[in-house]
Amino acid sequence: MVDIVLAIDGFSGTGKSSTAKKVASALGYTYIDSGAMYRCIARYFIDHQISFEKEKEVIAALDEILISFRFNNMLNASEILLNGQIMDYQIRLPEVDEIVSQIATQPFIRKALVSRQQALGQRKKIVMDGRDIGTVVFPDAALKIFMTADLDIRSKRRKKELEEQGIQVNSEEIKKNLFSRDYLDTNRLDSPLIKAEDAIVLDSSYLIFEDQVKKIVDLANKIIYEG
């Protein structure tokens, strides 16, 4: 049996995070949401009125930001904390959606977070999802999954997710936001969203959630137990 790093990349709204959480739980691995780390940065910048375009301000702010993960046994789920405070809906609000992709394009921010992400994976036994996990953060990951889905389906999922949190949003605005994020993510100069050559593509458009989780768990177990 071997311990591995499992990298899951893909577009917003494809179910990366929810899938990665379930896969990690099934494997007994730690789940790390790299996208939530960027969202924590965005939340901090909004709350402290920091412009992500001002490099000196950003570098100083990054020294004040502590992002950590812990497993909540009662919830049977991983939690992300920003300077000791649990982050949940606060990093999923539309105001964060509007700037998180722009923040992720800043090379000095990406460099700082990639270093932190790599440190989290030194002992392996992790499932990390994001947009450059299999290409930049862990290019030697034993298993890489690239998730995609139809834009309209992703928009409906995102709307449902927000409404379940009591947030009313316009369907067209969500679709425009996802389209814009797709463009920014795939066209940024530093670590763009692309499929790693050895990644396995998983289209979640019409898959039952449990089936997509099982597909990945089966692939991971084959590597873990068979090498």
Foldseek 3Di string as FASTA:
>chain_A
DDFFEEEEEEAALLCQQVLQFLLLLVLVFAEDELLVVLLLLLLVCVVVVNDLVDVVSSVVVVVVWDWDWDADPVVRTIFIDTVNHTDDVSSLDVSSLQCSLVSCLDVVSVVVSLVVLLVVCPVGRYYYYYQQCCPPSCVPTPAYEYEDEDLLLSLVSSQVVCVVVVDHDDSVVSSVSSVVSLCSQQPRPPRHRDDRPPHHYDYSHPDDSVVVSVVVSVVVVCVVPVD
